[in-house]
Protein backbone atom coordinates (compact mmCIF):
# COMPACT_ATOMS: atom_id res chain seq x y z
CA MET A 1 98.16 116.76 115.40
CA SER A 2 94.77 116.00 116.87
CA ILE A 3 92.62 113.16 115.67
CA PRO A 4 88.94 114.05 115.36
CA LEU A 5 86.59 111.94 117.40
CA VAL A 6 84.08 110.01 115.41
CA THR A 7 80.99 109.46 117.46
CA ALA A 8 78.51 106.84 116.42
CA ARG A 9 74.89 107.80 116.19
CA PRO A 10 72.55 105.86 118.44
CA ILE A 11 70.21 103.32 116.95
CA GLU A 12 66.66 104.18 117.94
CA TYR A 13 63.65 101.95 118.46
CA LEU A 14 60.04 102.65 119.31
CA ASP A 15 60.03 106.34 118.33
CA GLY A 16 63.35 106.99 120.08
CA ARG A 17 62.26 105.65 123.46
CA ILE A 18 64.83 102.86 123.29
CA THR A 19 68.33 103.70 122.10
CA VAL A 20 71.50 101.70 121.60
CA HIS A 21 74.77 103.62 121.58
CA PRO A 22 78.19 101.98 121.90
CA ASP A 23 79.42 104.72 124.24
CA ILE A 24 76.49 104.57 126.67
CA CYS A 25 76.19 101.66 129.13
CA ASN A 26 78.54 99.51 127.02
CA GLY A 27 76.07 99.42 124.15
CA HIS A 28 73.18 98.00 126.15
CA PRO A 29 69.72 99.28 125.17
CA THR A 30 68.87 102.35 127.22
CA ILE A 31 65.90 104.62 127.63
CA ARG A 32 66.20 107.78 125.52
CA SER A 33 70.04 107.67 125.68
CA MET A 34 69.95 108.10 129.45
CA ARG A 35 72.04 105.79 131.57
CA ILE A 36 69.00 103.75 132.55
CA THR A 37 68.99 100.41 130.78
CA VAL A 38 66.01 98.47 129.55
CA GLU A 39 67.40 95.57 131.59
CA THR A 40 67.18 97.64 134.78
CA VAL A 41 63.53 98.49 134.23
CA LEU A 42 62.65 94.91 133.30
CA GLY A 43 64.50 93.67 136.38
CA PHE A 44 62.42 95.89 138.65
CA LEU A 45 59.21 94.79 136.95
CA SER A 46 60.14 91.12 137.24
CA ALA A 47 60.90 91.62 140.94
CA GLY A 48 57.33 92.80 141.41
CA ASP A 49 57.83 96.56 141.47
CA SER A 50 55.00 98.57 139.96
CA ALA A 51 55.44 101.14 137.21
CA ASP A 52 54.62 103.84 139.77
CA GLU A 53 57.41 102.61 142.06
CA ILE A 54 59.90 102.67 139.19
CA LEU A 55 58.81 106.16 138.15
CA TYR A 56 59.27 107.33 141.74
CA GLN A 57 62.83 105.90 141.86
CA TYR A 58 63.68 107.32 138.42
CA PRO A 59 61.88 110.66 138.09
CA SER A 60 63.38 111.28 134.64
CA LEU A 61 61.38 108.34 133.26
CA GLU A 62 57.92 108.63 131.78
CA PRO A 63 55.17 105.98 131.81
CA ALA A 64 55.67 105.51 128.05
CA ASP A 65 59.31 104.55 128.73
CA ILE A 66 58.24 101.58 130.82
CA ASP A 67 55.74 100.52 128.16
CA ALA A 68 58.52 100.79 125.56
CA CYS A 69 60.78 98.50 127.63
CA LEU A 70 58.10 95.83 127.72
CA ARG A 71 57.36 96.18 124.01
CA PHE A 72 61.08 96.07 123.15
CA ALA A 73 61.52 92.85 125.16
CA ALA A 74 58.43 91.30 123.58
CA GLU A 75 59.68 92.13 120.09
CA LEU A 76 63.07 90.55 120.86
CA MET A 77 61.36 87.37 122.01
CA ALA A 78 59.42 87.21 118.74
CA HIS A 79 62.65 86.44 116.86
CA ARG A 80 63.79 82.91 116.20
CA TYR A 81 66.95 81.85 118.01
CA THR A 82 69.25 78.90 117.42
CA LEU A 83 71.31 77.65 120.32
CA GLN A 84 74.70 76.16 119.63
CA LYS A 85 77.02 74.44 122.02
CA VAL A 86 80.30 76.29 122.38
CA ALA A 87 83.43 74.21 122.85
């Protein structure tokens, strides 16, 4: 007897530019369900790389993908967070 696989549908943000799927990159936000995480793009930008340099390294990306990463991060920072000490 075979058990059918149930695949979760990705959650999409910013017109599908940012996706979160539990089976892709351990559920981290990715760009258009590719295995390029938002964190990776933001890391390059914070290290001083330009959008053009990132696009050269990742030819499957589009300029709008980089803009979506920045907007996604900005929207996350707009939320209120409460820090609690853990044991």
